[in-house]
Amino acid sequence: MGFMDKIKNKFKQNNAEEVTEKYKEGMQKTRKSFSGKINDLVARYRKVDEDFFEELEEVLITADVGVGTVMDLIDELKMEVKRQNIKDSKKVKEIISEKLVEIYYDGDDEDIETLQLSNGELSVILVVGVNGVGKTTSIGKLAYKLKQQGKNVVLAAGDTFRAGAIEQLEVWGERTGVPVIKHKEGSDPAAVIFDGVKAAKSRNADVLICDTAGRLQNKVNLMNELAKVKRVISREVPGAPQEVLLVLDATTGQNALQQAKTFSDAAGVTGIVLTKLDGTAKGGIVLAIRHELNIPVKFVGLGEQVDDFQEFDAHAFVYGLFSDMLDEE
């Protein structure tokens, strides 16, 4: 059975059709740019040669897969093409999709994307990211998803400096029926998080989600602030935070990769929330982040609705990239 067939069969099982449709619909822009160019490339090249690989490099880099990741991918493809003695360019499409998944997982367990939460004890999720990436909205959608799973959730409004941030989180709290612990605007974020932990414990909450400030232009102050918040959390809840999620805007491409590097160095990021994946042709940034920084993408935003906030699945992602080709077969 070929790799494309395996992907199709995977999503025919376990009632996964709804998930695949969300990826298929949400990744239209990236797919049109990515698989459309690959189809065009295959149509123009009857045989797989050095010129073919050079043009394939350009297609991948345009999708913001990342230069380092592209070089590694092309080397892998060349080796596989040589090993299988492939001459027909059409047969390369399946190998490309297979290698994209391999590059993402890199031998790790495929369940790495799921949230690492404590069983029976309070788990703390620290959410970081610059202003304007959809951080507060992502927190609201994550709270909704966890509540749908039967979790008792509390939110802490630690982004005390951005005008309207506290009110925005309160709106999500009301919408999802989740309590929001807050102080007045301009308060010490660590003090808010401290009160959030106390409130979560008193309410026997399963999960506390902490919003944080996102003023990257004051990078040193921001990173010191995050370090202080983490110290408060770990002191009050041993082993916490269980997750440090970095929210990135997929439409910013390589700039998102740079943000990931900065926050990863300072905050010990455990996972990425990639927003606005439905609004970009540069969805390849998912692979660049994973391959170059070894940080898994845990959630993606594939639309405006609450249920468009999806747990990331690399197979579904590749399906979203290649679904037009799969449906042709």
C-alpha atoms as a PDB file:
ATOM      1  CA  MET A   1       0.000   0.000   0.000  1.00  0.00           C
ATOM      2  CA  GLY A   2       1.356   3.437  -0.973  1.00  0.00           C
ATOM      3  CA  PHE A   3       1.729   6.291   1.497  1.00  0.00           C
ATOM      4  CA  MET A   4      -1.122   8.295  -0.048  1.00  0.00           C
ATOM      5  CA  ASP A   5      -3.403   5.258   0.334  1.00  0.00           C
ATOM      6  CA  LYS A   6      -2.370   4.959   3.983  1.00  0.00           C
ATOM      7  CA  ILE A   7      -3.337   8.592   4.595  1.00  0.00           C
ATOM      8  CA  LYS A   8      -6.713   8.055   2.911  1.00  0.00           C
ATOM      9  CA  ASN A   9      -7.391   4.903   4.932  1.00  0.00           C
ATOM     10  CA  LYS A  10      -6.265   6.553   8.177  1.00  0.00           C
ATOM     11  CA  PHE A  11      -8.937   9.217   7.834  1.00  0.00           C
ATOM     12  CA  LYS A  12     -11.687   6.841   6.790  1.00  0.00           C
ATOM     13  CA  GLN A  13     -11.293   5.217  10.202  1.00  0.00           C
ATOM     14  CA  ASN A  14     -12.203   6.545  13.657  1.00  0.00           C
ATOM     15  CA  ASN A  15     -14.759   9.045  12.285  1.00  0.00           C
ATOM     16  CA  ALA A  16     -11.906  11.324  11.209  1.00  0.00           C
ATOM     17  CA  GLU A  17     -13.722  12.698   8.140  1.00  0.00           C
ATOM     18  CA  GLU A  18     -14.740  15.882   9.974  1.00  0.00           C
ATOM     19  CA  VAL A  19     -11.140  16.581  11.006  1.00  0.00           C
ATOM     20  CA  THR A  20      -9.775  16.024   7.513  1.00  0.00           C
ATOM     21  CA  GLU A  21     -12.434  18.284   6.024  1.00  0.00           C
ATOM     22  CA  LYS A  22     -11.397  21.059   8.408  1.00  0.00           C
ATOM     23  CA  TYR A  23      -7.774  20.701   7.343  1.00  0.00           C
ATOM     24  CA  LYS A  24      -8.785  20.478   3.693  1.00  0.00           C
ATOM     25  CA  GLU A  25     -10.935  23.616   3.882  1.00  0.00           C
ATOM     26  CA  GLY A  26      -8.601  25.504   6.221  1.00  0.00           C
ATOM     27  CA  MET A  27      -5.479  24.943   4.145  1.00  0.00           C
ATOM     28  CA  GLN A  28      -6.866  25.974   0.765  1.00  0.00           C
ATOM     29  CA  LYS A  29      -4.429  28.865   0.323  1.00  0.00           C
ATOM     30  CA  THR A  30      -1.349  26.861   1.191  1.00  0.00           C
ATOM     31  CA  ARG A  31      -2.535  23.889  -0.872  1.00  0.00           C
ATOM     32  CA  LYS A  32      -3.267  26.024  -3.922  1.00  0.00           C
ATOM     33  CA  SER A  33       0.213  27.494  -3.733  1.00  0.00           C
ATOM     34  CA  PHE A  34       2.038  24.330  -2.703  1.00  0.00           C
ATOM     35  CA  SER A  35       0.461  21.329  -4.414  1.00  0.00           C
ATOM     36  CA  GLY A  36      -0.530  23.432  -7.430  1.00  0.00           C
ATOM     37  CA  LYS A  37       3.116  24.325  -8.022  1.00  0.00           C
ATOM     38  CA  ILE A  38       4.223  20.741  -7.460  1.00  0.00           C
ATOM     39  CA  ASN A  39       1.630  19.518  -9.983  1.00  0.00           C
ATOM     40  CA  ASP A  40       2.885  22.126 -12.442  1.00  0.00           C
ATOM     41  CA  LEU A  41       6.462  21.036 -11.794  1.00  0.00           C
ATOM     42  CA  VAL A  42       5.628  17.364 -12.351  1.00  0.00           C
ATOM     43  CA  ALA A  43       3.767  18.230 -15.558  1.00  0.00           C
ATOM     44  CA  ARG A  44       6.790  20.103 -16.950  1.00  0.00           C
ATOM     45  CA  TYR A  45       9.396  17.518 -16.004  1.00  0.00           C
ATOM     46  CA  ARG A  46       9.065  14.007 -17.386  1.00  0.00           C
ATOM     47  CA  LYS A  47      12.143  12.808 -15.545  1.00  0.00           C
ATOM     48  CA  VAL A  48      13.599  13.493 -12.118  1.00  0.00           C
ATOM     49  CA  ASP A  49      16.883  15.353 -12.570  1.00  0.00           C
ATOM     50  CA  GLU A  50      18.901  18.125 -10.889  1.00  0.00           C
ATOM     51  CA  ASP A  51      16.796  20.869 -12.509  1.00  0.00           C
ATOM     52  CA  PHE A  52      13.653  19.228 -11.105  1.00  0.00           C
ATOM     53  CA  PHE A  53      15.069  19.286  -7.585  1.00  0.00           C
ATOM     54  CA  GLU A  54      16.216  22.904  -7.918  1.00  0.00           C
ATOM     55  CA  GLU A  55      12.711  24.031  -8.836  1.00  0.00           C
ATOM     56  CA  LEU A  56      11.235  21.873  -6.066  1.00  0.00           C
ATOM     57  CA  GLU A  57      13.519  23.709  -3.605  1.00  0.00           C
ATOM     58  CA  GLU A  58      12.018  27.025  -4.715  1.00  0.00           C
ATOM     59  CA  VAL A  59       8.457  25.723  -4.274  1.00  0.00           C
ATOM     60  CA  LEU A  60       9.193  24.537  -0.733  1.00  0.00           C
ATOM     61  CA  ILE A  61      10.988  27.740   0.273  1.00  0.00           C
ATOM     62  CA  THR A  62       8.096  29.823  -1.097  1.00  0.00           C
ATOM     63  CA  ALA A  63       5.765  27.868   1.229  1.00  0.00           C
ATOM     64  CA  ASP A  64       8.042  28.970   4.125  1.00  0.00           C
ATOM     65  CA  VAL A  65       9.192  25.450   4.898  1.00  0.00           C
ATOM     66  CA  GLY A  66      12.522  27.044   5.835  1.00  0.00           C
ATOM     67  CA  VAL A  67      15.864  26.884   4.021  1.00  0.00           C
ATOM     68  CA  GLY A  68      17.490  24.477   6.486  1.00  0.00           C
ATOM     69  CA  THR A  69      14.478  22.162   6.431  1.00  0.00           C
ATOM     70  CA  VAL A  70      14.265  22.323   2.629  1.00  0.00           C
ATOM     71  CA  MET A  71      17.922  21.372   2.211  1.00  0.00           C
ATOM     72  CA  ASP A  72      17.485  18.359   4.486  1.00  0.00           C
ATOM     73  CA  LEU A  73      14.253  17.371   2.732  1.00  0.00           C
ATOM     74  CA  ILE A  74      15.806  17.611  -0.737  1.00  0.00           C
ATOM     75  CA  ASP A  75      18.765  15.464   0.378  1.00  0.00           C
ATOM     76  CA  GLU A  76      16.342  12.862   1.751  1.00  0.00           C
ATOM     77  CA  LEU A  77      14.313  12.916  -1.470  1.00  0.00           C
ATOM     78  CA  LYS A  78      17.398  12.494  -3.641  1.00  0.00           C
ATOM     79  CA  MET A  79      18.517   9.489  -1.583  1.00  0.00           C
ATOM     80  CA  GLU A  80      15.060   7.896  -1.747  1.00  0.00           C
ATOM     81  CA  VAL A  81      14.705   8.527  -5.487  1.00  0.00           C
ATOM     82  CA  LYS A  82      18.100   6.922  -6.036  1.00  0.00           C
ATOM     83  CA  ARG A  83      17.310   3.999  -3.716  1.00  0.00           C
ATOM     84  CA  GLN A  84      14.027   3.240  -5.499  1.00  0.00           C
ATOM     85  CA  ASN A  85      15.522   4.058  -8.903  1.00  0.00           C
ATOM     86  CA  ILE A  86      12.622   6.414  -9.677  1.00  0.00           C
ATOM     87  CA  LYS A  87      12.697   8.063 -13.080  1.00  0.00           C
ATOM     88  CA  ASP A  88       9.087   9.255 -13.469  1.00  0.00           C
ATOM     89  CA  SER A  89       8.451  12.620 -11.791  1.00  0.00           C
ATOM     90  CA  LYS A  90       4.832  11.654 -10.985  1.00  0.00           C
ATOM     91  CA  LYS A  91       6.052   9.031  -8.520  1.00  0.00           C
ATOM     92  CA  VAL A  92       7.978  11.665  -6.556  1.00  0.00           C
ATOM     93  CA  LYS A  93       4.755  13.253  -5.214  1.00  0.00           C
ATOM     94  CA  GLU A  94       4.083  10.338  -2.889  1.00  0.00           C
ATOM     95  CA  ILE A  95       7.664  10.340  -1.594  1.00  0.00           C
ATOM     96  CA  ILE A  96       7.449  14.108  -0.924  1.00  0.00           C
ATOM     97  CA  SER A  97       4.324  13.619   1.230  1.00  0.00           C
ATOM     98  CA  GLU A  98       5.921  10.707   3.093  1.00  0.00           C
ATOM     99  CA  LYS A  99       9.114  12.650   3.805  1.00  0.00           C
ATOM    100  CA  LEU A 100       7.149  15.689   5.050  1.00  0.00           C
ATOM    101  CA  VAL A 101       5.523  13.541   7.726  1.00  0.00           C
ATOM    102  CA  GLU A 102       8.850  11.882   8.578  1.00  0.00           C
ATOM    103  CA  ILE A 103      10.544  15.282   8.925  1.00  0.00           C
ATOM    104  CA  TYR A 104       7.779  16.449  11.236  1.00  0.00           C
ATOM    105  CA  TYR A 105       7.818  13.453  13.557  1.00  0.00           C
ATOM    106  CA  ASP A 106      11.575  12.779  13.297  1.00  0.00           C
ATOM    107  CA  GLY A 107      11.184   9.403  14.995  1.00  0.00           C
ATOM    108  CA  ASP A 108       9.219  10.769  17.977  1.00  0.00           C
ATOM    109  CA  ASP A 109       6.000   9.257  19.223  1.00  0.00           C
ATOM    110  CA  GLU A 110       3.116  10.498  17.118  1.00  0.00           C
ATOM    111  CA  ASP A 111       1.077  11.500  20.169  1.00  0.00           C
ATOM    112  CA  ILE A 112       3.575  14.207  21.154  1.00  0.00           C
ATOM    113  CA  GLU A 113       1.117  16.934  20.099  1.00  0.00           C
ATOM    114  CA  THR A 114      -1.355  16.201  22.894  1.00  0.00           C
ATOM    115  CA  LEU A 115      -1.255  18.380  25.991  1.00  0.00           C
ATOM    116  CA  GLN A 116       0.786  16.998  28.855  1.00  0.00           C
ATOM    117  CA  LEU A 117      -1.528  17.464  31.843  1.00  0.00           C
ATOM    118  CA  SER A 118      -1.368  16.044  35.369  1.00  0.00           C
ATOM    119  CA  ASN A 119      -3.868  13.365  36.318  1.00  0.00           C
ATOM    120  CA  GLY A 120      -5.997  14.326  39.293  1.00  0.00           C
ATOM    121  CA  GLU A 121      -3.961  17.432  40.157  1.00  0.00           C
ATOM    122  CA  LEU A 122      -3.951  21.042  39.032  1.00  0.00           C
ATOM    123  CA  SER A 123      -2.215  21.577  35.693  1.00  0.00           C
ATOM    124  CA  VAL A 124      -0.991  25.018  34.690  1.00  0.00           C
ATOM    125  CA  ILE A 125      -0.718  26.134  31.055  1.00  0.00           C
ATOM    126  CA  LEU A 126       1.308  29.305  30.501  1.00  0.00           C
ATOM    127  CA  VAL A 127       0.441  31.009  27.197  1.00  0.00           C
ATOM    128  CA  VAL A 128       2.991  33.386  25.661  1.00  0.00           C
ATOM    129  CA  GLY A 129       3.329  35.338  22.412  1.00  0.00           C
ATOM    130  CA  VAL A 130       3.589  38.844  21.001  1.00  0.00           C
ATOM    131  CA  ASN A 131       0.600  41.160  20.739  1.00  0.00           C
ATOM    132  CA  GLY A 132      -1.623  40.714  17.717  1.00  0.00           C
ATOM    133  CA  VAL A 133      -1.112  36.991  17.059  1.00  0.00           C
ATOM    134  CA  GLY A 134      -4.470  35.876  18.483  1.00  0.00           C
ATOM    135  CA  LYS A 135      -3.193  34.858  21.930  1.00  0.00           C
ATOM    136  CA  THR A 136      -6.270  35.756  23.979  1.00  0.00           C
ATOM    137  CA  THR A 137      -8.629  34.241  21.411  1.00  0.00           C
ATOM    138  CA  SER A 138      -6.572  31.036  21.428  1.00  0.00           C
ATOM    139  CA  ILE A 139      -6.813  30.893  25.228  1.00  0.00           C
ATOM    140  CA  GLY A 140     -10.593  31.214  25.002  1.00  0.00           C
ATOM    141  CA  LYS A 141     -10.846  28.474  22.389  1.00  0.00           C
ATOM    142  CA  LEU A 142      -8.515  26.206  24.367  1.00  0.00           C
ATOM    143  CA  ALA A 143     -10.604  26.768  27.507  1.00  0.00           C
ATOM    144  CA  TYR A 144     -13.714  25.832  25.519  1.00  0.00           C
ATOM    145  CA  LYS A 145     -12.065  22.662  24.177  1.00  0.00           C
ATOM    146  CA  LEU A 146     -10.892  21.560  27.638  1.00  0.00           C
ATOM    147  CA  LYS A 147     -14.294  22.280  29.161  1.00  0.00           C
ATOM    148  CA  GLN A 148     -15.925  20.167  26.430  1.00  0.00           C
ATOM    149  CA  GLN A 149     -13.638  17.356  27.607  1.00  0.00           C
ATOM    150  CA  GLY A 150     -15.101  17.692  31.106  1.00  0.00           C
ATOM    151  CA  LYS A 151     -12.253  19.697  32.635  1.00  0.00           C
ATOM    152  CA  ASN A 152     -12.807  22.323  35.311  1.00  0.00           C
ATOM    153  CA  VAL A 153     -10.937  25.351  33.909  1.00  0.00           C
ATOM    154  CA  VAL A 154      -9.881  28.718  35.366  1.00  0.00           C
ATOM    155  CA  LEU A 155      -8.312  31.625  33.443  1.00  0.00           C
ATOM    156  CA  ALA A 156      -5.794  34.146  34.834  1.00  0.00           C
ATOM    157  CA  ALA A 157      -5.587  37.542  33.090  1.00  0.00           C
ATOM    158  CA  GLY A 158      -1.818  38.079  33.320  1.00  0.00           C
ATOM    159  CA  ASP A 159      -1.613  40.384  30.273  1.00  0.00           C
ATOM    160  CA  THR A 160      -2.095  43.468  32.424  1.00  0.00           C
ATOM    161  CA  PHE A 161      -0.423  46.029  30.158  1.00  0.00           C
ATOM    162  CA  ARG A 162      -2.225  45.786  26.814  1.00  0.00           C
ATOM    163  CA  ALA A 163      -5.312  47.976  26.729  1.00  0.00           C
ATOM    164  CA  GLY A 164      -8.427  45.827  26.589  1.00  0.00           C
ATOM    165  CA  ALA A 165      -6.642  42.496  27.134  1.00  0.00           C
ATOM    166  CA  ILE A 166      -8.348  41.811  30.479  1.00  0.00           C
ATOM    167  CA  GLU A 167     -11.780  42.697  29.097  1.00  0.00           C
ATOM    168  CA  GLN A 168     -11.179  40.523  26.034  1.00  0.00           C
ATOM    169  CA  LEU A 169     -10.360  37.528  28.238  1.00  0.00           C
ATOM    170  CA  GLU A 170     -13.447  38.242  30.357  1.00  0.00           C
ATOM    171  CA  VAL A 171     -15.604  38.096  27.223  1.00  0.00           C
ATOM    172  CA  TRP A 172     -14.188  34.646  26.467  1.00  0.00           C
ATOM    173  CA  GLY A 173     -14.767  33.644  30.093  1.00  0.00           C
ATOM    174  CA  GLU A 174     -18.427  34.598  29.825  1.00  0.00           C
ATOM    175  CA  ARG A 175     -18.767  32.902  26.448  1.00  0.00           C
ATOM    176  CA  THR A 176     -17.319  29.620  27.692  1.00  0.00           C
ATOM    177  CA  GLY A 177     -18.588  29.735  31.263  1.00  0.00           C
ATOM    178  CA  VAL A 178     -15.070  29.810  32.705  1.00  0.00           C
ATOM    179  CA  PRO A 179     -14.098  32.063  35.671  1.00  0.00           C
ATOM    180  CA  VAL A 180     -11.433  34.740  35.027  1.00  0.00           C
ATOM    181  CA  ILE A 181      -9.082  35.862  37.805  1.00  0.00           C
ATOM    182  CA  LYS A 182      -7.959  39.454  37.215  1.00  0.00           C
ATOM    183  CA  HIS A 183      -6.415  42.565  38.779  1.00  0.00           C
ATOM    184  CA  LYS A 184      -6.677  46.112  37.480  1.00  0.00           C
ATOM    185  CA  GLU A 185      -4.817  47.182  34.336  1.00  0.00           C
ATOM    186  CA  GLY A 186      -1.092  47.762  34.937  1.00  0.00           C
ATOM    187  CA  SER A 187      -0.865  45.351  37.875  1.00  0.00           C
ATOM    188  CA  ASP A 188       2.068  43.003  38.439  1.00  0.00           C
ATOM    189  CA  PRO A 189       1.419  39.954  36.189  1.00  0.00           C
ATOM    190  CA  ALA A 190       3.075  37.581  38.687  1.00  0.00           C
ATOM    191  CA  ALA A 191       0.647  38.731  41.398  1.00  0.00           C
ATOM    192  CA  VAL A 192      -2.311  37.973  39.101  1.00  0.00           C
ATOM    193  CA  ILE A 193      -0.948  34.503  38.333  1.00  0.00           C
ATOM    194  CA  PHE A 194      -0.369  33.881  42.068  1.00  0.00           C
ATOM    195  CA  ASP A 195      -4.021  34.703  42.771  1.00  0.00           C
ATOM    196  CA  GLY A 196      -5.021  32.587  39.779  1.00  0.00           C
ATOM    197  CA  VAL A 197      -3.249  29.558  41.266  1.00  0.00           C
ATOM    198  CA  LYS A 198      -4.902  30.116  44.650  1.00  0.00           C
ATOM    199  CA  ALA A 199      -8.343  30.471  43.049  1.00  0.00           C
ATOM    200  CA  ALA A 200      -7.836  27.378  40.878  1.00  0.00           C
ATOM    201  CA  LYS A 201      -6.850  25.327  43.917  1.00  0.00           C
ATOM    202  CA  SER A 202      -9.825  26.572  45.967  1.00  0.00           C
ATOM    203  CA  ARG A 203     -12.196  25.652  43.115  1.00  0.00           C
ATOM    204  CA  ASN A 204     -10.581  22.219  42.660  1.00  0.00           C
ATOM    205  CA  ALA A 205      -9.847  23.156  39.057  1.00  0.00           C
ATOM    206  CA  ASP A 206      -8.173  20.712  36.695  1.00  0.00           C
ATOM    207  CA  VAL A 207      -6.497  23.355  34.539  1.00  0.00           C
ATOM    208  CA  LEU A 208      -5.383  26.954  35.040  1.00  0.00           C
ATOM    209  CA  ILE A 209      -4.610  28.814  31.797  1.00  0.00           C
ATOM    210  CA  CYS A 210      -2.467  31.923  32.290  1.00  0.00           C
ATOM    211  CA  ASP A 211      -2.386  34.788  29.802  1.00  0.00           C
ATOM    212  CA  THR A 212       0.853  36.834  29.707  1.00  0.00           C
ATOM    213  CA  ALA A 213       2.052  40.143  28.299  1.00  0.00           C
ATOM    214  CA  GLY A 214       3.344  40.229  24.745  1.00  0.00           C
ATOM    215  CA  ARG A 215       5.535  43.308  24.430  1.00  0.00           C
ATOM    216  CA  LEU A 216       8.435  41.860  22.458  1.00  0.00           C
ATOM    217  CA  GLN A 217       9.840  45.343  21.755  1.00  0.00           C
ATOM    218  CA  ASN A 218      10.837  45.407  25.461  1.00  0.00           C
ATOM    219  CA  LYS A 219      12.377  41.977  25.068  1.00  0.00           C
ATOM    220  CA  VAL A 220      14.612  41.924  28.151  1.00  0.00           C
ATOM    221  CA  ASN A 221      11.849  43.169  30.467  1.00  0.00           C
ATOM    222  CA  LEU A 222       9.324  40.793  28.929  1.00  0.00           C
ATOM    223  CA  MET A 223      11.565  37.772  29.314  1.00  0.00           C
ATOM    224  CA  ASN A 224      12.400  38.705  32.910  1.00  0.00           C
ATOM    225  CA  GLU A 225       8.678  39.041  33.546  1.00  0.00           C
ATOM    226  CA  LEU A 226       8.007  35.588  32.101  1.00  0.00           C
ATOM    227  CA  ALA A 227      10.784  34.091  34.209  1.00  0.00           C
ATOM    228  CA  LYS A 228       9.232  35.647  37.339  1.00  0.00           C
ATOM    229  CA  VAL A 229       5.789  34.287  36.438  1.00  0.00           C
ATOM    230  CA  LYS A 230       7.242  30.813  35.902  1.00  0.00           C
ATOM    231  CA  ARG A 231       8.970  30.950  39.288  1.00  0.00           C
ATOM    232  CA  VAL A 232       5.677  31.839  41.010  1.00  0.00           C
ATOM    233  CA  ILE A 233       3.884  28.981  39.258  1.00  0.00           C
ATOM    234  CA  SER A 234       6.545  26.370  40.025  1.00  0.00           C
ATOM    235  CA  ARG A 235       6.722  27.465  43.663  1.00  0.00           C
ATOM    236  CA  GLU A 236       2.956  27.184  44.158  1.00  0.00           C
ATOM    237  CA  VAL A 237       2.419  24.079  41.989  1.00  0.00           C
ATOM    238  CA  PRO A 238       5.433  21.733  41.960  1.00  0.00           C
ATOM    239  CA  GLY A 239       6.164  20.506  38.440  1.00  0.00           C
ATOM    240  CA  ALA A 240       4.164  23.328  36.832  1.00  0.00           C
ATOM    241  CA  PRO A 241       3.731  24.816  34.331  1.00  0.00           C
ATOM    242  CA  GLN A 242       3.031  21.534  32.576  1.00  0.00           C
ATOM    243  CA  GLU A 243       2.856  23.377  29.258  1.00  0.00           C
ATOM    244  CA  VAL A 244       4.269  26.655  27.937  1.00  0.00           C
ATOM    245  CA  LEU A 245       2.359  27.311  24.727  1.00  0.00           C
ATOM    246  CA  LEU A 246       3.635  29.925  22.276  1.00  0.00           C
ATOM    247  CA  VAL A 247       0.986  31.471  20.036  1.00  0.00           C
ATOM    248  CA  LEU A 248       2.244  32.364  16.544  1.00  0.00           C
ATOM    249  CA  ASP A 249       0.518  33.918  13.534  1.00  0.00           C
ATOM    250  CA  ALA A 250       1.031  31.607  10.537  1.00  0.00           C
ATOM    251  CA  THR A 251       0.682  34.500   8.096  1.00  0.00           C
ATOM    252  CA  THR A 252       3.970  36.004   9.343  1.00  0.00           C
ATOM    253  CA  GLY A 253       6.005  33.052   8.045  1.00  0.00           C
ATOM    254  CA  GLN A 254       9.706  33.278   8.860  1.00  0.00           C
ATOM    255  CA  ASN A 255       9.038  36.048  11.377  1.00  0.00           C
ATOM    256  CA  ALA A 256       7.050  33.481  13.373  1.00  0.00           C
ATOM    257  CA  LEU A 257      10.084  31.200  13.314  1.00  0.00           C
ATOM    258  CA  GLN A 258      12.226  33.983  14.769  1.00  0.00           C
ATOM    259  CA  GLN A 259       9.661  34.619  17.512  1.00  0.00           C
ATOM    260  CA  ALA A 260       9.695  30.914  18.317  1.00  0.00           C
ATOM    261  CA  LYS A 261      13.476  31.007  18.738  1.00  0.00           C
ATOM    262  CA  THR A 262      13.303  34.055  21.046  1.00  0.00           C
ATOM    263  CA  PHE A 263      10.543  32.708  23.288  1.00  0.00           C
ATOM    264  CA  SER A 264      11.954  29.194  23.332  1.00  0.00           C
ATOM    265  CA  ASP A 265      15.268  30.472  24.689  1.00  0.00           C
ATOM    266  CA  ALA A 266      13.551  32.540  27.384  1.00  0.00           C
ATOM    267  CA  ALA A 267      10.441  30.621  28.388  1.00  0.00           C
ATOM    268  CA  GLY A 268      11.125  26.945  27.671  1.00  0.00           C
ATOM    269  CA  VAL A 269       8.316  26.600  25.125  1.00  0.00           C
ATOM    270  CA  THR A 270       6.789  23.097  25.041  1.00  0.00           C
ATOM    271  CA  GLY A 271       4.396  23.595  22.144  1.00  0.00           C
ATOM    272  CA  ILE A 272       3.115  25.956  19.470  1.00  0.00           C
ATOM    273  CA  VAL A 273      -0.386  27.243  18.817  1.00  0.00           C
ATOM    274  CA  LEU A 274      -0.395  28.331  15.170  1.00  0.00           C
ATOM    275  CA  THR A 275      -3.224  30.750  14.397  1.00  0.00           C
ATOM    276  CA  LYS A 276      -4.597  31.878  11.026  1.00  0.00           C
ATOM    277  CA  LEU A 277      -3.333  28.816   9.161  1.00  0.00           C
ATOM    278  CA  ASP A 278      -6.429  29.212   7.003  1.00  0.00           C
ATOM    279  CA  GLY A 279      -5.315  32.719   5.981  1.00  0.00           C
ATOM    280  CA  THR A 280      -1.882  31.981   4.586  1.00  0.00           C
ATOM    281  CA  ALA A 281      -0.123  30.329   1.652  1.00  0.00           C
ATOM    282  CA  LYS A 282       2.898  29.804   3.913  1.00  0.00           C
ATOM    283  CA  GLY A 283       1.700  26.848   5.970  1.00  0.00           C
ATOM    284  CA  GLY A 284       5.081  25.191   5.529  1.00  0.00           C
ATOM    285  CA  ILE A 285       6.200  27.152   8.598  1.00  0.00           C
ATOM    286  CA  VAL A 286       4.755  24.220  10.621  1.00  0.00           C
ATOM    287  CA  LEU A 287       7.585  22.015   9.327  1.00  0.00           C
ATOM    288  CA  ALA A 288      10.277  24.657   9.803  1.00  0.00           C
ATOM    289  CA  ILE A 289       9.350  25.196  13.460  1.00  0.00           C
ATOM    290  CA  ARG A 290       9.318  21.474  14.195  1.00  0.00           C
ATOM    291  CA  HIS A 291      12.462  20.579  12.259  1.00  0.00           C
ATOM    292  CA  GLU A 292      14.667  23.548  13.129  1.00  0.00           C
ATOM    293  CA  LEU A 293      13.578  24.137  16.750  1.00  0.00           C
ATOM    294  CA  ASN A 294      12.253  20.673  17.686  1.00  0.00           C
ATOM    295  CA  ILE A 295       9.063  22.219  19.112  1.00  0.00           C
ATOM    296  CA  PRO A 296       5.805  20.421  18.273  1.00  0.00           C
ATOM    297  CA  VAL A 297       2.811  22.331  16.946  1.00  0.00           C
ATOM    298  CA  LYS A 298       0.015  21.340  19.347  1.00  0.00           C
ATOM    299  CA  PHE A 299      -2.941  23.360  18.006  1.00  0.00           C
ATOM    300  CA  VAL A 300      -3.793  25.145  14.773  1.00  0.00           C
ATOM    301  CA  GLY A 301      -6.425  27.725  13.923  1.00  0.00           C
ATOM    302  CA  LEU A 302      -8.268  26.738  10.750  1.00  0.00           C
ATOM    303  CA  GLY A 303     -11.041  29.345  10.876  1.00  0.00           C
ATOM    304  CA  GLU A 304     -12.940  31.798  13.047  1.00  0.00           C
ATOM    305  CA  GLN A 305     -15.304  29.404  14.825  1.00  0.00           C
ATOM    306  CA  VAL A 306     -14.579  27.881  18.237  1.00  0.00           C
ATOM    307  CA  ASP A 307     -14.455  24.349  16.814  1.00  0.00           C
ATOM    308  CA  ASP A 308     -11.983  25.431  14.101  1.00  0.00           C
ATOM    309  CA  PHE A 309      -9.330  25.320  16.831  1.00  0.00           C
ATOM    310  CA  GLN A 310      -7.886  21.862  16.152  1.00  0.00           C
ATOM    311  CA  GLU A 311      -5.283  19.620  17.741  1.00  0.00           C
ATOM    312  CA  PHE A 312      -2.464  19.385  15.239  1.00  0.00           C
ATOM    313  CA  ASP A 313      -2.059  16.131  13.315  1.00  0.00           C
ATOM    314  CA  ALA A 314       0.855  15.916  10.870  1.00  0.00           C
ATOM    315  CA  HIS A 315      -0.948  13.337   8.721  1.00  0.00           C
ATOM    316  CA  ALA A 316      -4.013  15.576   8.490  1.00  0.00           C
ATOM    317  CA  PHE A 317      -1.696  18.500   7.711  1.00  0.00           C
ATOM    318  CA  VAL A 318      -0.111  16.590   4.820  1.00  0.00           C
ATOM    319  CA  TYR A 319      -3.592  15.565   3.702  1.00  0.00           C
ATOM    320  CA  GLY A 320      -4.520  19.261   3.690  1.00  0.00           C
ATOM    321  CA  LEU A 321      -1.494  19.945   1.498  1.00  0.00           C
ATOM    322  CA  PHE A 322      -2.105  17.103  -0.963  1.00  0.00           C
ATOM    323  CA  SER A 323      -5.858  16.431  -0.784  1.00  0.00           C
ATOM    324  CA  ASP A 324      -6.430  17.580  -4.359  1.00  0.00           C
ATOM    325  CA  MET A 325      -3.904  15.022  -5.569  1.00  0.00           C
ATOM    326  CA  LEU A 326      -5.383  12.326  -3.298  1.00  0.00           C
ATOM    327  CA  ASP A 327      -8.897  13.002  -4.532  1.00  0.00           C
ATOM    328  CA  GLU A 328      -7.713  12.722  -8.128  1.00  0.00           C
ATOM    329  CA  GLU A 329      -6.526   9.161  -7.564  1.00  0.00           C
END
